[in-house]
Amino acid sequence: MKKWFACLVLVGLMVNQRSLAQEGGVVCMSGDCENGSGEAMLLLEDTMYYKGTFVNGVLEGNGRLNNPGKFIYNGEFKENSMTGKGSVSLKSGERYEGMFLNAAYEGEGTAYYKNGEKFTGIFKNSEIWSGNGYVPLSEKSYYKGEIKEGKRNGEGFIQFEDGSNYKGTFFADEMSGSGTIHYSDGKYYIGEVVDGYCHGNGKLYSASNVLEFEGEWIKNEPQPKVKTPYEIFSPIFNECFNGYLKSEVNGQEVYSELKICFNYNYSGLIEGTATTTFKIDGVNYIAKTKIEGRAYESDNTFYLDAKNVLQEDPLPYGLVWIHDNLKGSIYTNDNKYGGYILQGQSTSGALFEIAD
């Protein structure tokens, strides 16, 4: 069991005839201190008082041992040692009831604490080994829950000295699994924990129960949420953009109106229609094409393929429509909060710029 377990400390008695003789021996005060029942004063480092049975001058059977100002033991003795079933009460107000071996807690027992809490389970060499209950860690901290093989394992609650606490699962002495951490400033975390860290999926709330973060954590650090392509591009490619298309006709720069209405689906495919309005001699000529394409979050670019022609007005002077593909980049629109600008070039070299 690790040092954080602060169990009862027993100043016990494990002596033999020789050590009793060296320290001063046994002073029989009444009764039969050889083979029977009697009362004796044991002259050791501390003077103790024993009342119980003796066999060949040895403490054996049932008895009561009083070390004034330190502890009182009632229970079984074997060869001068507290061994068997018994109970001990300490000056501090704590007590233990259960099995002893050579003056140590060994086997099934219950430790009672002065604050009214208790721990029931298996003890080894006066240390908690397994069971369930309260374990003081320091003056202001404690653990309450399951113990297995000397370690916190299972469901439990731990109060820390700084006022923070954790309620949830433990593994191999550490907060591991899932639970709730309340911090001293009032904030609290609900989610996965690993080796004492907020690690995995979790939520952090303010002292006023406002959700501050939800997502992935790595060793107490919230991680920036990685958005899916749909989350990134659906706010952009689900509306209409208007702008211009600059091309060259018979060696002259010509500007046409360009309108593209988009729809972005869960598969990451951009669909929509592109409408070009070309004005010649005061007359508007319109071509409308179905488009499909994709956007790429790695560099905020997109590519649109011209598919089916939906409308195409005949052009004068032997001019023909060119339905080619568009490739461009996505920029935020400084003139519109939450707006975007799409800029790029067609495969035939025409430049375009449209905004939502």
Protein backbone atom coordinates (compact mmCIF):
# COMPACT_ATOMS: atom_id res chain seq x y z
CA MET A 1 0.00 0.00 0.00
CA LYS A 2 1.32 3.40 -0.89
CA LYS A 3 2.20 6.15 1.56
CA TRP A 4 -0.92 8.18 0.84
CA PHE A 5 -2.87 5.74 3.00
CA ALA A 6 -2.91 7.20 6.50
CA CYS A 7 -4.27 4.35 8.54
CA LEU A 8 -4.20 3.92 12.29
CA VAL A 9 -0.73 3.65 13.77
CA LEU A 10 -0.51 1.05 16.51
CA VAL A 11 2.24 1.14 19.10
CA GLY A 12 1.99 -2.56 19.73
CA LEU A 13 3.50 -5.18 21.92
CA MET A 14 5.58 -8.04 20.56
CA VAL A 15 7.98 -9.25 23.19
CA ASN A 16 9.42 -12.48 24.42
CA GLN A 17 10.62 -13.60 27.81
CA ARG A 18 14.17 -12.49 27.16
CA SER A 19 13.21 -8.95 26.16
CA LEU A 20 10.92 -8.67 29.16
CA ALA A 21 13.83 -9.72 31.36
CA GLN A 22 16.18 -7.26 29.68
CA GLU A 23 13.72 -4.40 30.12
CA GLY A 24 12.87 -5.30 33.66
CA GLY A 25 10.45 -8.17 33.19
CA VAL A 26 6.92 -8.73 34.38
CA VAL A 27 5.84 -7.49 37.78
CA CYS A 28 2.86 -9.52 38.89
CA MET A 29 0.41 -7.30 40.73
CA SER A 30 -2.33 -9.82 41.51
CA GLY A 31 -3.59 -13.26 40.61
CA ASP A 32 -1.68 -16.06 38.87
CA CYS A 33 0.81 -14.55 36.40
CA GLU A 34 2.34 -17.93 35.63
CA ASN A 35 -0.50 -20.22 34.65
CA GLY A 36 -3.88 -18.60 35.10
CA SER A 37 -5.45 -15.19 35.27
CA GLY A 38 -3.67 -12.21 36.70
CA GLU A 39 -2.71 -8.57 36.50
CA ALA A 40 0.83 -7.51 35.72
CA MET A 41 2.97 -4.48 34.99
CA LEU A 42 5.20 -4.90 31.93
CA LEU A 43 8.46 -3.00 32.26
CA LEU A 44 9.33 -2.13 28.67
CA GLU A 45 10.28 1.13 26.97
CA ASP A 46 6.79 2.21 28.00
CA THR A 47 5.34 0.81 31.20
CA MET A 48 2.21 -1.13 30.28
CA TYR A 49 -0.48 -2.85 32.30
CA TYR A 50 -1.88 -6.25 31.39
CA LYS A 51 -4.92 -8.04 32.76
CA GLY A 52 -5.66 -11.49 31.39
CA THR A 53 -4.47 -15.06 31.14
CA PHE A 54 -0.93 -16.43 31.36
CA VAL A 55 0.59 -19.74 30.22
CA ASN A 56 4.06 -20.52 31.57
CA GLY A 57 4.52 -16.84 32.36
CA VAL A 58 3.66 -15.77 28.81
CA LEU A 59 0.72 -13.58 27.77
CA GLU A 60 -1.59 -16.15 26.18
CA GLY A 61 -5.33 -16.20 25.60
CA ASN A 62 -7.60 -13.23 26.23
CA GLY A 63 -6.48 -10.07 27.90
CA ARG A 64 -6.44 -6.29 28.14
CA LEU A 65 -3.27 -4.28 27.56
CA ASN A 66 -3.14 -0.62 28.57
CA ASN A 67 -0.33 1.67 27.44
CA PRO A 68 -1.37 4.86 29.30
CA GLY A 69 -1.72 7.90 27.07
CA LYS A 70 -1.26 5.84 23.89
CA PHE A 71 -3.62 2.88 23.43
CA ILE A 72 -5.77 0.22 25.05
CA TYR A 73 -6.05 -3.23 23.48
CA ASN A 74 -8.69 -5.83 24.26
CA GLY A 75 -8.47 -9.23 22.64
CA GLU A 76 -6.45 -12.34 22.04
CA PHE A 77 -2.74 -12.85 22.79
CA LYS A 78 -0.31 -15.51 21.65
CA GLU A 79 3.24 -15.83 22.95
CA ASN A 80 3.31 -12.28 24.36
CA SER A 81 1.96 -10.77 21.12
CA MET A 82 -1.41 -9.33 20.17
CA THR A 83 -2.47 -12.06 17.74
CA GLY A 84 -6.03 -13.10 16.94
CA LYS A 85 -9.25 -11.17 17.25
CA GLY A 86 -9.25 -7.93 19.14
CA SER A 87 -9.76 -4.17 19.21
CA VAL A 88 -7.51 -1.23 19.94
CA SER A 89 -8.46 2.31 20.91
CA LEU A 90 -5.94 5.10 20.41
CA LYS A 91 -5.57 8.32 22.35
CA SER A 92 -6.42 10.23 19.16
CA GLY A 93 -9.95 8.82 19.27
CA GLU A 94 -9.45 6.33 16.47
CA ARG A 95 -9.88 2.61 16.91
CA TYR A 96 -9.57 -0.67 15.06
CA GLU A 97 -11.61 -3.83 15.45
CA GLY A 98 -10.64 -7.05 13.73
CA MET A 99 -7.79 -9.49 13.32
CA PHE A 100 -4.21 -8.99 14.55
CA LEU A 101 -0.93 -10.77 13.87
CA ASN A 102 2.15 -9.94 15.95
CA ALA A 103 0.61 -6.60 17.04
CA ALA A 104 -0.22 -5.56 13.45
CA TYR A 105 -3.62 -5.33 11.80
CA GLU A 106 -3.78 -8.46 9.66
CA GLY A 107 -6.89 -9.86 8.01
CA GLU A 108 -10.48 -8.68 8.22
CA GLY A 109 -11.14 -5.56 10.22
CA THR A 110 -12.66 -2.12 10.48
CA ALA A 111 -10.83 1.13 11.19
CA TYR A 112 -12.96 3.82 12.88
CA TYR A 113 -11.98 7.47 12.68
CA LYS A 114 -12.75 10.29 15.09
CA ASN A 115 -14.84 12.12 12.47
CA GLY A 116 -17.32 9.23 12.43
CA GLU A 117 -16.06 7.67 9.18
CA LYS A 118 -14.81 4.10 8.86
CA PHE A 119 -13.07 1.67 6.52
CA THR A 120 -13.97 -2.02 6.41
CA GLY A 121 -11.92 -4.60 4.57
CA ILE A 122 -8.67 -6.54 4.59
CA PHE A 123 -5.51 -5.23 6.27
CA LYS A 124 -1.90 -6.30 5.79
CA ASN A 125 0.82 -5.33 8.26
CA SER A 126 -1.41 -2.53 9.64
CA GLU A 127 -2.03 -1.10 6.16
CA ILE A 128 -5.26 -1.11 4.16
CA TRP A 129 -5.20 -3.79 1.46
CA SER A 130 -8.74 -4.08 0.11
CA GLY A 131 -12.27 -3.08 0.95
CA ASN A 132 -14.43 0.02 0.93
CA GLY A 133 -14.64 3.11 3.03
CA TYR A 134 -12.89 6.24 4.26
CA VAL A 135 -9.13 6.76 4.13
CA PRO A 136 -7.57 9.99 5.50
CA LEU A 137 -4.72 11.30 3.37
CA SER A 138 -3.79 14.45 5.27
CA GLU A 139 -5.43 16.93 7.61
CA LYS A 140 -7.54 18.39 4.76
CA SER A 141 -7.69 15.57 2.24
CA TYR A 142 -9.19 12.10 2.15
CA TYR A 143 -10.35 9.29 -0.11
CA LYS A 144 -13.63 7.46 0.12
CA GLY A 145 -14.33 4.44 -2.03
CA GLU A 146 -12.99 1.08 -3.18
CA ILE A 147 -9.49 -0.28 -2.48
CA LYS A 148 -8.04 -3.34 -4.20
CA GLU A 149 -4.58 -4.74 -3.45
CA GLY A 150 -3.55 -1.60 -1.63
CA LYS A 151 -4.54 0.79 -4.41
CA ARG A 152 -7.54 2.89 -5.31
CA ASN A 153 -9.50 0.81 -7.80
CA GLY A 154 -13.16 1.18 -8.74
CA GLU A 155 -15.60 3.89 -7.77
CA GLY A 156 -14.45 6.54 -5.35
CA PHE A 157 -14.25 10.15 -4.21
CA ILE A 158 -11.11 12.11 -3.33
CA GLN A 159 -10.92 15.49 -1.61
CA PHE A 160 -7.72 17.49 -2.18
CA GLU A 161 -6.11 19.99 0.14
CA ASP A 162 -6.71 22.94 -2.22
CA GLY A 163 -10.48 22.42 -2.05
CA SER A 164 -10.85 20.60 -5.36
CA ASN A 165 -12.27 17.09 -5.55
CA TYR A 166 -12.97 14.21 -7.92
CA LYS A 167 -15.77 11.68 -8.03
CA GLY A 168 -15.57 8.80 -10.48
CA THR A 169 -13.54 5.73 -11.34
CA PHE A 170 -9.99 4.91 -10.26
CA PHE A 171 -7.47 2.44 -11.61
CA ALA A 172 -4.04 1.51 -10.22
CA ASP A 173 -4.15 4.33 -7.65
CA GLU A 174 -4.94 7.05 -10.23
CA MET A 175 -8.05 8.85 -11.39
CA SER A 176 -8.75 6.86 -14.56
CA GLY A 177 -11.97 6.20 -16.42
CA SER A 178 -14.65 8.83 -16.20
CA GLY A 179 -15.86 11.21 -13.55
CA THR A 180 -16.37 14.79 -12.38
CA ILE A 181 -13.65 17.14 -11.15
CA HIS A 182 -14.71 20.19 -9.13
CA TYR A 183 -12.01 22.88 -8.99
CA SER A 184 -11.41 25.29 -6.14
CA ASP A 185 -12.52 28.25 -8.30
CA GLY A 186 -15.96 26.72 -8.83
CA LYS A 187 -15.42 25.40 -12.35
CA TYR A 188 -15.99 21.72 -13.00
CA TYR A 189 -15.07 19.12 -15.59
CA ILE A 190 -17.20 16.13 -16.62
CA GLY A 191 -15.68 13.46 -18.82
CA GLU A 192 -12.84 11.02 -19.33
CA VAL A 193 -9.71 10.96 -17.17
CA VAL A 194 -6.47 9.01 -17.53
CA ASP A 195 -3.73 8.80 -14.89
CA GLY A 196 -5.05 11.85 -13.07
CA TYR A 197 -5.41 14.01 -16.19
CA CYS A 198 -8.45 15.28 -18.06
CA HIS A 199 -7.81 13.15 -21.11
CA GLY A 200 -10.29 12.15 -23.80
CA ASN A 201 -13.75 13.60 -24.32
CA GLY A 202 -14.96 16.05 -21.72
CA LYS A 203 -16.85 19.22 -20.90
CA LEU A 204 -15.69 22.19 -18.83
CA TYR A 205 -18.29 24.35 -17.09
CA SER A 206 -17.95 27.70 -15.36
CA ALA A 207 -18.90 28.23 -11.73
CA SER A 208 -22.27 29.50 -13.02
CA ASN A 209 -22.85 26.28 -15.03
CA VAL A 210 -22.05 27.81 -18.42
CA LEU A 211 -20.43 25.37 -20.86
CA GLU A 212 -16.95 26.73 -21.67
CA PHE A 213 -15.51 23.88 -23.71
CA GLU A 214 -16.65 20.56 -25.09
CA GLY A 215 -14.40 18.21 -26.98
CA GLU A 216 -11.05 16.44 -26.85
CA TRP A 217 -8.57 16.89 -23.98
CA ILE A 218 -4.94 15.81 -23.78
CA LYS A 219 -3.29 15.88 -20.34
CA ASN A 220 -5.52 18.67 -18.98
CA GLU A 221 -5.25 20.74 -22.18
CA PRO A 222 -8.38 21.31 -24.29
CA GLN A 223 -7.66 20.61 -27.93
CA PRO A 224 -8.82 22.81 -30.81
CA LYS A 225 -11.81 21.16 -32.37
CA VAL A 226 -11.06 19.67 -35.77
CA LYS A 227 -13.94 20.57 -38.05
CA THR A 228 -15.16 18.29 -40.77
CA PRO A 229 -15.18 19.58 -44.37
CA TYR A 230 -18.94 19.89 -44.11
CA GLU A 231 -18.66 22.08 -40.99
CA ILE A 232 -16.08 24.27 -42.72
CA PHE A 233 -17.68 24.70 -46.12
CA SER A 234 -21.43 24.37 -45.60
CA PRO A 235 -21.71 27.98 -44.31
CA ILE A 236 -19.94 29.14 -47.52
CA PHE A 237 -21.32 26.97 -50.28
CA ASN A 238 -25.00 27.14 -49.42
CA GLU A 239 -25.93 30.48 -50.97
CA CYS A 240 -25.56 32.61 -54.10
CA PHE A 241 -22.50 34.63 -55.08
CA ASN A 242 -22.50 37.56 -57.53
CA GLY A 243 -19.58 39.14 -59.37
CA TYR A 244 -17.87 39.32 -62.70
CA LEU A 245 -16.08 37.23 -65.27
CA LYS A 246 -13.29 39.00 -67.19
CA SER A 247 -12.47 37.43 -70.54
CA GLU A 248 -11.00 38.44 -73.87
CA VAL A 249 -13.12 38.73 -77.02
CA ASN A 250 -11.43 39.64 -80.32
CA GLY A 251 -8.43 41.02 -78.42
CA GLN A 252 -10.52 43.17 -76.08
CA GLU A 253 -11.22 42.71 -72.36
CA VAL A 254 -14.88 42.03 -71.75
CA TYR A 255 -16.69 41.88 -68.41
CA SER A 256 -19.70 39.64 -67.92
CA GLU A 257 -21.96 39.26 -64.91
CA LEU A 258 -21.43 35.96 -63.10
CA LYS A 259 -23.82 34.48 -60.56
CA ILE A 260 -23.29 31.09 -58.95
CA CYS A 261 -25.77 29.49 -56.54
CA PHE A 262 -24.27 26.68 -54.48
CA ASN A 263 -25.46 23.71 -52.47
CA TYR A 264 -22.95 21.79 -50.29
CA ASN A 265 -23.96 18.29 -49.20
CA TYR A 266 -22.71 15.90 -46.50
CA SER A 267 -20.61 13.94 -48.98
CA GLY A 268 -18.47 17.04 -49.56
CA LEU A 269 -19.78 17.65 -53.08
CA ILE A 270 -20.55 21.17 -54.27
CA GLU A 271 -23.49 21.42 -56.64
CA GLY A 272 -25.26 24.37 -58.18
CA THR A 273 -25.76 26.57 -61.21
CA ALA A 274 -23.56 29.19 -62.81
CA THR A 275 -25.32 31.99 -64.72
CA THR A 276 -23.32 34.26 -67.02
CA THR A 277 -24.91 37.43 -68.44
CA PHE A 278 -23.06 38.86 -71.45
CA LYS A 279 -24.15 42.28 -72.71
CA ILE A 280 -23.68 43.14 -76.40
CA ASP A 281 -25.09 46.29 -78.03
CA GLY A 282 -27.32 46.84 -74.99
CA VAL A 283 -28.78 43.35 -75.19
CA ASN A 284 -28.28 40.77 -72.43
CA TYR A 285 -27.43 37.21 -73.44
CA ILE A 286 -27.63 34.50 -70.81
CA ALA A 287 -26.01 31.10 -70.38
CA LYS A 288 -26.78 28.82 -67.44
CA THR A 289 -24.77 25.70 -66.61
CA LYS A 290 -25.01 23.03 -63.97
CA ILE A 291 -21.77 22.75 -61.98
CA GLU A 292 -20.23 20.21 -59.63
CA GLY A 293 -17.02 20.29 -57.63
CA ARG A 294 -15.22 20.10 -54.33
CA ALA A 295 -13.51 22.37 -51.80
CA TYR A 296 -10.28 21.55 -49.96
CA GLU A 297 -9.73 22.59 -46.34
CA SER A 298 -5.96 22.17 -46.58
CA ASP A 299 -5.55 25.37 -48.62
CA ASN A 300 -9.09 26.79 -48.87
CA THR A 301 -9.36 26.20 -52.60
CA PHE A 302 -12.16 24.83 -54.76
CA TYR A 303 -12.64 23.32 -58.21
CA LEU A 304 -15.86 23.43 -60.24
CA ASP A 305 -16.63 21.35 -63.32
CA ALA A 306 -19.10 22.58 -65.92
CA LYS A 307 -21.68 19.84 -66.48
CA ASN A 308 -25.00 20.12 -68.28
CA VAL A 309 -25.94 23.29 -70.17
CA LEU A 310 -29.32 24.43 -68.84
CA GLN A 311 -29.71 27.58 -70.95
CA GLU A 312 -27.73 29.16 -73.75
CA ASP A 313 -28.86 32.25 -75.67
CA PRO A 314 -27.46 32.47 -79.24
CA LEU A 315 -24.76 35.13 -79.52
CA PRO A 316 -24.39 37.58 -82.45
CA TYR A 317 -21.36 38.18 -84.67
CA GLY A 318 -20.43 34.51 -84.76
CA LEU A 319 -19.55 34.40 -81.04
CA VAL A 320 -19.95 31.16 -79.10
CA TRP A 321 -20.23 30.34 -75.44
CA ILE A 322 -17.34 28.53 -73.76
CA HIS A 323 -18.40 26.41 -70.79
CA ASP A 324 -15.17 25.59 -69.00
CA ASN A 325 -14.13 24.73 -65.50
CA LEU A 326 -13.34 27.12 -62.66
CA LYS A 327 -10.59 26.91 -60.07
CA GLY A 328 -10.16 29.40 -57.27
CA SER A 329 -9.53 30.31 -53.66
CA ILE A 330 -11.75 31.30 -50.75
CA TYR A 331 -11.20 34.59 -48.90
CA THR A 332 -13.05 36.30 -46.08
CA ASN A 333 -14.92 39.44 -47.09
CA ASP A 334 -13.60 42.37 -45.06
CA ASN A 335 -16.59 44.44 -46.11
CA LYS A 336 -19.15 41.94 -44.83
CA TYR A 337 -19.13 40.22 -41.47
CA GLY A 338 -19.22 36.48 -42.02
CA GLY A 339 -19.02 36.93 -45.78
CA TYR A 340 -16.70 35.37 -48.35
CA ILE A 341 -15.14 36.17 -51.73
CA LEU A 342 -14.32 33.55 -54.35
CA GLN A 343 -11.56 34.42 -56.81
CA GLY A 344 -9.94 32.36 -59.54
CA GLN A 345 -9.56 31.55 -63.18
CA SER A 346 -11.29 29.39 -65.77
CA THR A 347 -9.47 26.79 -67.79
CA SER A 348 -9.69 29.15 -70.82
CA GLY A 349 -7.97 31.94 -68.88
CA ALA A 350 -10.94 34.08 -67.87
CA LEU A 351 -10.67 35.68 -64.44
CA PHE A 352 -13.58 35.81 -62.04
CA GLU A 353 -14.47 37.27 -58.65
CA ILE A 354 -17.77 36.73 -56.85
CA ALA A 355 -18.99 37.55 -53.36
CA ASP A 356 -21.92 36.44 -51.22
